[in-house]
PDB file of N, CA and C in Angstrom:
ATOM      1  N   MET A   1       0.816  -1.197   0.007  1.00  0.00           N
ATOM      2  CA  MET A   1       0.007   0.008   0.004  1.00  0.00           C
ATOM      3  C   MET A   1       0.857   1.256   0.000  1.00  0.00           C
ATOM      4  N   HIS A   2       2.080   1.166   0.454  1.00  0.00           N
ATOM      5  CA  HIS A   2       2.955   2.334   0.535  1.00  0.00           C
ATOM      6  C   HIS A   2       3.178   2.954  -0.859  1.00  0.00           C
ATOM      7  N   THR A   3       3.342   2.140  -1.878  1.00  0.00           N
ATOM      8  CA  THR A   3       3.580   2.667  -3.215  1.00  0.00           C
ATOM      9  C   THR A   3       2.375   3.420  -3.746  1.00  0.00           C
ATOM     10  N   SER A   4       1.168   2.935  -3.469  1.00  0.00           N
ATOM     11  CA  SER A   4       0.014   3.657  -3.971  1.00  0.00           C
ATOM     12  C   SER A   4      -0.178   4.993  -3.259  1.00  0.00           C
ATOM     13  N   SER A   5       0.162   5.061  -1.985  1.00  0.00           N
ATOM     14  CA  SER A   5       0.043   6.356  -1.284  1.00  0.00           C
ATOM     15  C   SER A   5       1.110   7.322  -1.767  1.00  0.00           C
ATOM     16  N   ALA A   6       2.309   6.834  -2.060  1.00  0.00           N
ATOM     17  CA  ALA A   6       3.356   7.684  -2.614  1.00  0.00           C
ATOM     18  C   ALA A   6       2.964   8.159  -4.009  1.00  0.00           C
ATOM     19  N   ARG A   7       2.412   7.269  -4.786  1.00  0.00           N
ATOM     20  CA  ARG A   7       1.956   7.636  -6.136  1.00  0.00           C
ATOM     21  C   ARG A   7       0.825   8.667  -6.052  1.00  0.00           C
ATOM     22  N   LEU A   8      -0.082   8.481  -5.120  1.00  0.00           N
ATOM     23  CA  LEU A   8      -1.187   9.399  -4.924  1.00  0.00           C
ATOM     24  C   LEU A   8      -0.658  10.791  -4.563  1.00  0.00           C
ATOM     25  N   GLU A   9       0.332  10.854  -3.681  1.00  0.00           N
ATOM     26  CA  GLU A   9       0.936  12.130  -3.309  1.00  0.00           C
ATOM     27  C   GLU A   9       1.576  12.794  -4.520  1.00  0.00           C
ATOM     28  N   ALA A  10       2.275  12.029  -5.322  1.00  0.00           N
ATOM     29  CA  ALA A  10       2.939  12.570  -6.514  1.00  0.00           C
ATOM     30  C   ALA A  10       1.913  13.085  -7.517  1.00  0.00           C
ATOM     31  N   LEU A  11       0.835  12.336  -7.724  1.00  0.00           N
ATOM     32  CA  LEU A  11      -0.212  12.764  -8.643  1.00  0.00           C
ATOM     33  C   LEU A  11      -0.898  14.038  -8.144  1.00  0.00           C
ATOM     34  N   ASN A  12      -1.152  14.094  -6.837  1.00  0.00           N
ATOM     35  CA  ASN A  12      -1.781  15.296  -6.273  1.00  0.00           C
ATOM     36  C   ASN A  12      -0.880  16.504  -6.420  1.00  0.00           C
ATOM     37  N   ALA A  13       0.427  16.321  -6.250  1.00  0.00           N
ATOM     38  CA  ALA A  13       1.380  17.424  -6.398  1.00  0.00           C
ATOM     39  C   ALA A  13       1.396  17.920  -7.849  1.00  0.00           C
ATOM     40  N   ARG A  14       1.408  16.983  -8.801  1.00  0.00           N
ATOM     41  CA  ARG A  14       1.383  17.370 -10.220  1.00  0.00           C
ATOM     42  C   ARG A  14       0.065  18.071 -10.573  1.00  0.00           C
ATOM     43  N   HIS A  15      -1.042  17.564 -10.019  1.00  0.00           N
ATOM     44  CA  HIS A  15      -2.352  18.156 -10.253  1.00  0.00           C
ATOM     45  C   HIS A  15      -2.356  19.616  -9.763  1.00  0.00           C
ATOM     46  N   SER A  16      -1.827  19.841  -8.567  1.00  0.00           N
ATOM     47  CA  SER A  16      -1.767  21.195  -7.998  1.00  0.00           C
ATOM     48  C   SER A  16      -0.877  22.121  -8.830  1.00  0.00           C
ATOM     49  N   ALA A  17       0.240  21.581  -9.295  1.00  0.00           N
ATOM     50  CA  ALA A  17       1.166  22.381 -10.111  1.00  0.00           C
ATOM     51  C   ALA A  17       0.513  22.796 -11.416  1.00  0.00           C
ATOM     52  N   ILE A  18      -0.228  21.879 -12.032  1.00  0.00           N
ATOM     53  CA  ILE A  18      -0.909  22.197 -13.290  1.00  0.00           C
ATOM     54  C   ILE A  18      -2.029  23.207 -13.024  1.00  0.00           C
ATOM     55  N   ALA A  19      -2.727  23.081 -11.915  1.00  0.00           N
ATOM     56  CA  ALA A  19      -3.782  24.033 -11.558  1.00  0.00           C
ATOM     57  C   ALA A  19      -3.186  25.438 -11.425  1.00  0.00           C
ATOM     58  N   SER A  20      -2.017  25.535 -10.835  1.00  0.00           N
ATOM     59  CA  SER A  20      -1.332  26.839 -10.695  1.00  0.00           C
ATOM     60  C   SER A  20      -0.947  27.405 -12.054  1.00  0.00           C
ATOM     61  N   LYS A  21      -0.436  26.529 -12.928  1.00  0.00           N
ATOM     62  CA  LYS A  21      -0.054  26.982 -14.265  1.00  0.00           C
ATOM     63  C   LYS A  21      -1.269  27.491 -15.023  1.00  0.00           C
ATOM     64  N   ILE A  22      -2.416  26.813 -14.853  1.00  0.00           N
ATOM     65  CA  ILE A  22      -3.652  27.234 -15.516  1.00  0.00           C
ATOM     66  C   ILE A  22      -4.043  28.630 -15.014  1.00  0.00           C
ATOM     67  N   GLU A  23      -3.986  28.825 -13.703  1.00  0.00           N
ATOM     68  CA  GLU A  23      -4.340  30.127 -13.136  1.00  0.00           C
ATOM     69  C   GLU A  23      -3.419  31.220 -13.669  1.00  0.00           C
ATOM     70  N   GLN A  24      -2.111  30.930 -13.716  1.00  0.00           N
ATOM     71  CA  GLN A  24      -1.137  31.903 -14.223  1.00  0.00           C
ATOM     72  C   GLN A  24      -1.429  32.248 -15.680  1.00  0.00           C
ATOM     73  N   GLU A  25      -1.702  31.228 -16.467  1.00  0.00           N
ATOM     74  CA  GLU A  25      -1.931  31.439 -17.897  1.00  0.00           C
ATOM     75  C   GLU A  25      -3.224  32.233 -18.112  1.00  0.00           C
ATOM     76  N   GLN A  26      -4.260  31.954 -17.330  1.00  0.00           N
ATOM     77  CA  GLN A  26      -5.525  32.660 -17.487  1.00  0.00           C
ATOM     78  C   GLN A  26      -5.400  34.130 -17.093  1.00  0.00           C
ATOM     79  N   SER A  27      -4.537  34.433 -16.138  1.00  0.00           N
ATOM     80  CA  SER A  27      -4.397  35.823 -15.701  1.00  0.00           C
ATOM     81  C   SER A  27      -3.439  36.622 -16.602  1.00  0.00           C
ATOM     82  N   ARG A  28      -2.721  35.936 -17.462  1.00  0.00           N
ATOM     83  CA  ARG A  28      -1.771  36.586 -18.344  1.00  0.00           C
ATOM     84  C   ARG A  28      -2.496  37.195 -19.537  1.00  0.00           C
ATOM     85  N   PRO A  29      -2.172  38.453 -19.866  1.00  0.00           N
ATOM     86  CA  PRO A  29      -2.808  39.043 -21.073  1.00  0.00           C
ATOM     87  C   PRO A  29      -2.379  38.270 -22.311  1.00  0.00           C
ATOM     88  N   GLY A  30      -3.306  38.019 -23.191  1.00  0.00           N
ATOM     89  CA  GLY A  30      -2.983  37.288 -24.430  1.00  0.00           C
ATOM     90  C   GLY A  30      -2.684  35.829 -24.182  1.00  0.00           C
ATOM     91  N   SER A  31      -3.354  35.252 -23.214  1.00  0.00           N
ATOM     92  CA  SER A  31      -3.102  33.830 -22.886  1.00  0.00           C
ATOM     93  C   SER A  31      -3.436  32.936 -24.076  1.00  0.00           C
ATOM     94  N   SER A  32      -2.750  31.812 -24.110  1.00  0.00           N
ATOM     95  CA  SER A  32      -2.884  30.873 -25.222  1.00  0.00           C
ATOM     96  C   SER A  32      -4.017  29.879 -24.960  1.00  0.00           C
ATOM     97  N   ASP A  33      -5.033  29.904 -25.808  1.00  0.00           N
ATOM     98  CA  ASP A  33      -6.142  28.952 -25.677  1.00  0.00           C
ATOM     99  C   ASP A  33      -5.643  27.528 -25.842  1.00  0.00           C
ATOM    100  N   TYR A  34      -4.714  27.346 -26.756  1.00  0.00           N
ATOM    101  CA  TYR A  34      -4.165  25.999 -26.983  1.00  0.00           C
ATOM    102  C   TYR A  34      -3.475  25.479 -25.732  1.00  0.00           C
ATOM    103  N   LEU A  35      -2.624  26.321 -25.123  1.00  0.00           N
ATOM    104  CA  LEU A  35      -1.900  25.927 -23.915  1.00  0.00           C
ATOM    105  C   LEU A  35      -2.877  25.636 -22.779  1.00  0.00           C
ATOM    106  N   LEU A  36      -3.879  26.484 -22.637  1.00  0.00           N
ATOM    107  CA  LEU A  36      -4.879  26.248 -21.583  1.00  0.00           C
ATOM    108  C   LEU A  36      -5.607  24.926 -21.775  1.00  0.00           C
ATOM    109  N   ARG A  37      -5.988  24.646 -23.026  1.00  0.00           N
ATOM    110  CA  ARG A  37      -6.693  23.404 -23.321  1.00  0.00           C
ATOM    111  C   ARG A  37      -5.798  22.196 -23.002  1.00  0.00           C
ATOM    112  N   LEU A  38      -4.531  22.305 -23.358  1.00  0.00           N
ATOM    113  CA  LEU A  38      -3.576  21.242 -23.097  1.00  0.00           C
ATOM    114  C   LEU A  38      -3.396  21.001 -21.595  1.00  0.00           C
ATOM    115  N   LEU A  39      -3.227  22.086 -20.849  1.00  0.00           N
ATOM    116  CA  LEU A  39      -3.065  21.978 -19.402  1.00  0.00           C
ATOM    117  C   LEU A  39      -4.319  21.394 -18.740  1.00  0.00           C
ATOM    118  N   LYS A  40      -5.482  21.808 -19.202  1.00  0.00           N
ATOM    119  CA  LYS A  40      -6.727  21.295 -18.620  1.00  0.00           C
ATOM    120  C   LYS A  40      -6.890  19.806 -18.923  1.00  0.00           C
ATOM    121  N   GLN A  41      -6.472  19.376 -20.113  1.00  0.00           N
ATOM    122  CA  GLN A  41      -6.534  17.944 -20.432  1.00  0.00           C
ATOM    123  C   GLN A  41      -5.592  17.146 -19.519  1.00  0.00           C
ATOM    124  N   GLN A  42      -4.418  17.682 -19.275  1.00  0.00           N
ATOM    125  CA  GLN A  42      -3.463  17.014 -18.375  1.00  0.00           C
ATOM    126  C   GLN A  42      -4.019  16.933 -16.965  1.00  0.00           C
ATOM    127  N   LYS A  43      -4.627  18.037 -16.516  1.00  0.00           N
ATOM    128  CA  LYS A  43      -5.200  18.069 -15.181  1.00  0.00           C
ATOM    129  C   LYS A  43      -6.319  17.036 -15.034  1.00  0.00           C
ATOM    130  N   LEU A  44      -7.178  16.959 -16.061  1.00  0.00           N
ATOM    131  CA  LEU A  44      -8.265  15.988 -16.037  1.00  0.00           C
ATOM    132  C   LEU A  44      -7.728  14.557 -16.014  1.00  0.00           C
ATOM    133  N   HIS A  45      -6.699  14.290 -16.814  1.00  0.00           N
ATOM    134  CA  HIS A  45      -6.101  12.963 -16.840  1.00  0.00           C
ATOM    135  C   HIS A  45      -5.544  12.595 -15.467  1.00  0.00           C
ATOM    136  N   LEU A  46      -4.887  13.527 -14.813  1.00  0.00           N
ATOM    137  CA  LEU A  46      -4.365  13.279 -13.475  1.00  0.00           C
ATOM    138  C   LEU A  46      -5.494  13.023 -12.487  1.00  0.00           C
ATOM    139  N   LYS A  47      -6.565  13.813 -12.592  1.00  0.00           N
ATOM    140  CA  LYS A  47      -7.718  13.615 -11.712  1.00  0.00           C
ATOM    141  C   LYS A  47      -8.280  12.213 -11.851  1.00  0.00           C
ATOM    142  N   GLU A  48      -8.384  11.751 -13.081  1.00  0.00           N
ATOM    143  CA  GLU A  48      -8.885  10.395 -13.335  1.00  0.00           C
ATOM    144  C   GLU A  48      -7.968   9.345 -12.721  1.00  0.00           C
ATOM    145  N   GLN A  49      -6.662   9.559 -12.819  1.00  0.00           N
ATOM    146  CA  GLN A  49      -5.723   8.608 -12.206  1.00  0.00           C
ATOM    147  C   GLN A  49      -5.845   8.607 -10.686  1.00  0.00           C
ATOM    148  N   ILE A  50      -6.005   9.808 -10.112  1.00  0.00           N
ATOM    149  CA  ILE A  50      -6.156   9.919  -8.661  1.00  0.00           C
ATOM    150  C   ILE A  50      -7.430   9.213  -8.210  1.00  0.00           C
ATOM    151  N   GLU A  51      -8.521   9.434  -8.925  1.00  0.00           N
ATOM    152  CA  GLU A  51      -9.780   8.771  -8.564  1.00  0.00           C
ATOM    153  C   GLU A  51      -9.652   7.258  -8.696  1.00  0.00           C
ATOM    154  N   GLY A  52      -8.880   6.781  -9.646  1.00  0.00           N
ATOM    155  CA  GLY A  52      -8.668   5.347  -9.817  1.00  0.00           C
ATOM    156  C   GLY A  52      -7.946   4.723  -8.628  1.00  0.00           C
ATOM    157  N   ILE A  53      -7.047   5.482  -8.024  1.00  0.00           N
ATOM    158  CA  ILE A  53      -6.325   4.988  -6.843  1.00  0.00           C
ATOM    159  C   ILE A  53      -7.191   5.033  -5.606  1.00  0.00           C
ATOM    160  N   VAL A  54      -7.945   6.118  -5.459  1.00  0.00           N
ATOM    161  CA  VAL A  54      -8.757   6.325  -4.270  1.00  0.00           C
ATOM    162  C   VAL A  54      -9.899   5.327  -4.169  1.00  0.00           C
ATOM    163  N   GLU A  55     -10.485   4.985  -5.312  1.00  0.00           N
ATOM    164  CA  GLU A  55     -11.651   4.090  -5.297  1.00  0.00           C
ATOM    165  C   GLU A  55     -11.301   2.664  -5.007  1.00  0.00           C
TER     166      GLU A  55
END
């Protein structure tokens, strides 16, 4: 079980980092829609992985 909790922590950290990048990009003038879409897809993928471990 130790590996899944370590993996969960790593996924949560990456999820938070991507959320911060999304916020930064959205607040930047002339933000890139493509980059935002890419970051949001990555965030969603991480969320799905996290939910797979938690369930």
